[in-house]
Amino acid sequence: MGLYRKNIGGGQQIARILVGLGGAAAGLLLFGAPWNLVAGGAGAVFALTGVVGYCPMCAMAGSGRRGE
């Protein structure tokens, strides 16, 4: 076992990556400074949770995969 336990399933990981990258691109392209960096960073973090397979907010809320 690593440093964390994955709490996001495969389908949700793919969705988070796609939505996160799209949100980051839209944030960087559509908003003016400094909001473009805030929106782009939020999208990048959302995509990163999909890549890693762990969401800290889901862990705090108690949701996620069970028994694995």
N, C-alpha and C. Protein backbone atom coordinates (compact mmCIF):
# COMPACT_ATOMS: atom_id res chain seq x y z
N MET A 1 0.84 -1.19 0.00
CA MET A 1 0.00 0.00 0.00
C MET A 1 0.88 1.24 0.00
N GLY A 2 0.49 2.22 -0.77
CA GLY A 2 1.24 3.46 -0.88
C GLY A 2 0.90 4.44 0.22
N LEU A 3 1.09 5.68 -0.08
CA LEU A 3 0.83 6.73 0.89
C LEU A 3 -0.66 7.05 1.02
N TYR A 4 -1.44 6.63 0.06
CA TYR A 4 -2.87 6.92 0.07
C TYR A 4 -3.61 5.74 -0.54
N ARG A 5 -4.91 5.70 -0.31
CA ARG A 5 -5.76 4.68 -0.89
C ARG A 5 -6.66 5.36 -1.91
N LYS A 6 -6.70 4.83 -3.12
CA LYS A 6 -7.53 5.42 -4.16
C LYS A 6 -8.98 5.40 -3.74
N ASN A 7 -9.66 6.53 -3.93
CA ASN A 7 -11.07 6.59 -3.58
C ASN A 7 -11.93 7.04 -4.77
N ILE A 8 -11.37 6.97 -5.96
CA ILE A 8 -12.09 7.34 -7.18
C ILE A 8 -12.00 6.17 -8.15
N GLY A 9 -13.13 5.79 -8.71
CA GLY A 9 -13.16 4.68 -9.66
C GLY A 9 -12.65 5.08 -11.04
N GLY A 10 -12.48 4.09 -11.91
CA GLY A 10 -11.92 4.32 -13.24
C GLY A 10 -12.71 5.27 -14.11
N GLY A 11 -14.03 5.12 -14.12
CA GLY A 11 -14.87 6.01 -14.93
C GLY A 11 -14.82 7.45 -14.44
N GLN A 12 -14.82 7.61 -13.14
CA GLN A 12 -14.76 8.94 -12.58
C GLN A 12 -13.38 9.56 -12.81
N GLN A 13 -12.34 8.74 -12.82
CA GLN A 13 -11.00 9.26 -13.09
C GLN A 13 -10.93 9.84 -14.50
N ILE A 14 -11.45 9.12 -15.46
CA ILE A 14 -11.44 9.59 -16.85
C ILE A 14 -12.25 10.87 -16.98
N ALA A 15 -13.42 10.91 -16.35
CA ALA A 15 -14.26 12.11 -16.42
C ALA A 15 -13.56 13.30 -15.77
N ARG A 16 -12.91 13.09 -14.64
CA ARG A 16 -12.21 14.19 -13.97
C ARG A 16 -11.06 14.72 -14.82
N ILE A 17 -10.34 13.83 -15.47
CA ILE A 17 -9.22 14.27 -16.32
C ILE A 17 -9.75 15.11 -17.47
N LEU A 18 -10.78 14.63 -18.16
CA LEU A 18 -11.31 15.35 -19.31
C LEU A 18 -11.93 16.69 -18.92
N VAL A 19 -12.75 16.68 -17.88
CA VAL A 19 -13.40 17.92 -17.44
C VAL A 19 -12.37 18.90 -16.88
N GLY A 20 -11.39 18.38 -16.16
CA GLY A 20 -10.35 19.24 -15.59
C GLY A 20 -9.51 19.90 -16.66
N LEU A 21 -9.09 19.15 -17.66
CA LEU A 21 -8.30 19.73 -18.74
C LEU A 21 -9.12 20.74 -19.54
N GLY A 22 -10.38 20.40 -19.80
CA GLY A 22 -11.26 21.35 -20.50
C GLY A 22 -11.50 22.61 -19.69
N GLY A 23 -11.69 22.46 -18.40
CA GLY A 23 -11.89 23.62 -17.53
C GLY A 23 -10.65 24.47 -17.43
N ALA A 24 -9.50 23.85 -17.38
CA ALA A 24 -8.24 24.60 -17.32
C ALA A 24 -8.03 25.39 -18.61
N ALA A 25 -8.27 24.74 -19.74
CA ALA A 25 -8.10 25.42 -21.02
C ALA A 25 -9.10 26.56 -21.17
N ALA A 26 -10.35 26.32 -20.81
CA ALA A 26 -11.36 27.37 -20.91
C ALA A 26 -11.04 28.52 -19.95
N GLY A 27 -10.59 28.19 -18.76
CA GLY A 27 -10.26 29.24 -17.80
C GLY A 27 -9.12 30.11 -18.28
N LEU A 28 -8.11 29.48 -18.86
CA LEU A 28 -6.96 30.25 -19.34
C LEU A 28 -7.30 31.08 -20.57
N LEU A 29 -8.22 30.60 -21.38
CA LEU A 29 -8.53 31.30 -22.62
C LEU A 29 -9.66 32.32 -22.51
N LEU A 30 -10.62 32.09 -21.61
CA LEU A 30 -11.82 32.91 -21.60
C LEU A 30 -11.83 34.03 -20.57
N PHE A 31 -11.08 33.88 -19.48
CA PHE A 31 -11.12 34.87 -18.42
C PHE A 31 -9.93 35.80 -18.50
N GLY A 32 -10.11 37.00 -17.93
CA GLY A 32 -9.01 37.94 -17.84
C GLY A 32 -8.23 37.73 -16.56
N ALA A 33 -7.02 38.29 -16.53
CA ALA A 33 -6.15 38.15 -15.36
C ALA A 33 -6.80 38.82 -14.16
N PRO A 34 -6.67 38.35 -12.97
CA PRO A 34 -6.01 37.14 -12.50
C PRO A 34 -6.93 35.93 -12.46
N TRP A 35 -8.17 36.10 -12.91
CA TRP A 35 -9.14 34.99 -12.82
C TRP A 35 -8.80 33.85 -13.76
N ASN A 36 -8.08 34.12 -14.83
CA ASN A 36 -7.70 33.03 -15.71
C ASN A 36 -6.75 32.06 -15.01
N LEU A 37 -5.88 32.57 -14.16
CA LEU A 37 -4.97 31.70 -13.42
C LEU A 37 -5.71 30.91 -12.34
N VAL A 38 -6.69 31.54 -11.72
CA VAL A 38 -7.48 30.84 -10.69
C VAL A 38 -8.30 29.72 -11.33
N ALA A 39 -8.99 30.02 -12.42
CA ALA A 39 -9.81 29.00 -13.09
C ALA A 39 -8.93 27.92 -13.72
N GLY A 40 -7.81 28.30 -14.31
CA GLY A 40 -6.91 27.32 -14.89
C GLY A 40 -6.30 26.41 -13.84
N GLY A 41 -5.95 26.99 -12.70
CA GLY A 41 -5.40 26.19 -11.61
C GLY A 41 -6.43 25.24 -11.03
N ALA A 42 -7.67 25.69 -10.90
CA ALA A 42 -8.72 24.82 -10.38
C ALA A 42 -8.97 23.64 -11.33
N GLY A 43 -8.97 23.92 -12.62
CA GLY A 43 -9.14 22.83 -13.59
C GLY A 43 -7.97 21.86 -13.56
N ALA A 44 -6.76 22.38 -13.39
CA ALA A 44 -5.58 21.53 -13.34
C ALA A 44 -5.61 20.64 -12.09
N VAL A 45 -6.02 21.18 -10.96
CA VAL A 45 -6.11 20.39 -9.73
C VAL A 45 -7.19 19.32 -9.88
N PHE A 46 -8.30 19.66 -10.51
CA PHE A 46 -9.37 18.68 -10.73
C PHE A 46 -8.87 17.54 -11.62
N ALA A 47 -8.10 17.88 -12.67
CA ALA A 47 -7.54 16.84 -13.53
C ALA A 47 -6.51 16.01 -12.78
N LEU A 48 -5.74 16.63 -11.92
CA LEU A 48 -4.72 15.91 -11.15
C LEU A 48 -5.35 14.89 -10.21
N THR A 49 -6.50 15.21 -9.63
CA THR A 49 -7.18 14.22 -8.78
C THR A 49 -7.61 13.01 -9.60
N GLY A 50 -7.93 13.23 -10.86
CA GLY A 50 -8.26 12.10 -11.73
C GLY A 50 -7.05 11.27 -12.08
N VAL A 51 -5.92 11.91 -12.32
CA VAL A 51 -4.70 11.19 -12.66
C VAL A 51 -4.23 10.34 -11.48
N VAL A 52 -4.26 10.93 -10.29
CA VAL A 52 -3.78 10.25 -9.09
C VAL A 52 -4.79 9.22 -8.59
N GLY A 53 -6.07 9.50 -8.76
CA GLY A 53 -7.11 8.58 -8.29
C GLY A 53 -7.51 8.81 -6.86
N TYR A 54 -7.15 9.94 -6.31
CA TYR A 54 -7.47 10.25 -4.92
C TYR A 54 -8.00 11.67 -4.84
N CYS A 55 -9.12 11.84 -4.16
CA CYS A 55 -9.72 13.15 -3.96
C CYS A 55 -9.82 13.41 -2.45
N PRO A 56 -9.09 14.40 -1.94
CA PRO A 56 -9.14 14.67 -0.50
C PRO A 56 -10.53 15.06 -0.01
N MET A 57 -11.29 15.78 -0.81
CA MET A 57 -12.63 16.19 -0.39
C MET A 57 -13.56 14.98 -0.30
N CYS A 58 -13.42 14.03 -1.22
CA CYS A 58 -14.22 12.81 -1.14
C CYS A 58 -13.84 12.00 0.10
N ALA A 59 -12.57 12.00 0.44
CA ALA A 59 -12.13 11.28 1.62
C ALA A 59 -12.69 11.91 2.89
N MET A 60 -12.70 13.25 2.94
CA MET A 60 -13.24 13.93 4.12
C MET A 60 -14.74 13.72 4.24
N ALA A 61 -15.43 13.65 3.09
CA ALA A 61 -16.87 13.45 3.11
C ALA A 61 -17.24 11.99 3.35
N GLY A 62 -16.29 11.10 3.21
CA GLY A 62 -16.56 9.69 3.46
C GLY A 62 -17.08 8.95 2.24
N SER A 63 -17.07 9.59 1.08
CA SER A 63 -17.53 8.91 -0.12
C SER A 63 -16.35 8.30 -0.85
N GLY A 64 -16.62 7.43 -1.79
CA GLY A 64 -15.55 6.82 -2.56
C GLY A 64 -15.71 5.31 -2.60
N ARG A 65 -14.68 4.65 -3.10
CA ARG A 65 -14.73 3.20 -3.26
C ARG A 65 -14.62 2.53 -1.91
N ARG A 66 -15.35 1.47 -1.73
CA ARG A 66 -15.35 0.75 -0.46
C ARG A 66 -14.71 -0.62 -0.65
N GLY A 67 -14.00 -1.07 0.36
CA GLY A 67 -13.50 -2.43 0.39
C GLY A 67 -12.31 -2.72 -0.49
N GLU A 68 -11.63 -1.71 -1.00
CA GLU A 68 -10.45 -1.95 -1.85
C GLU A 68 -9.24 -1.34 -1.23
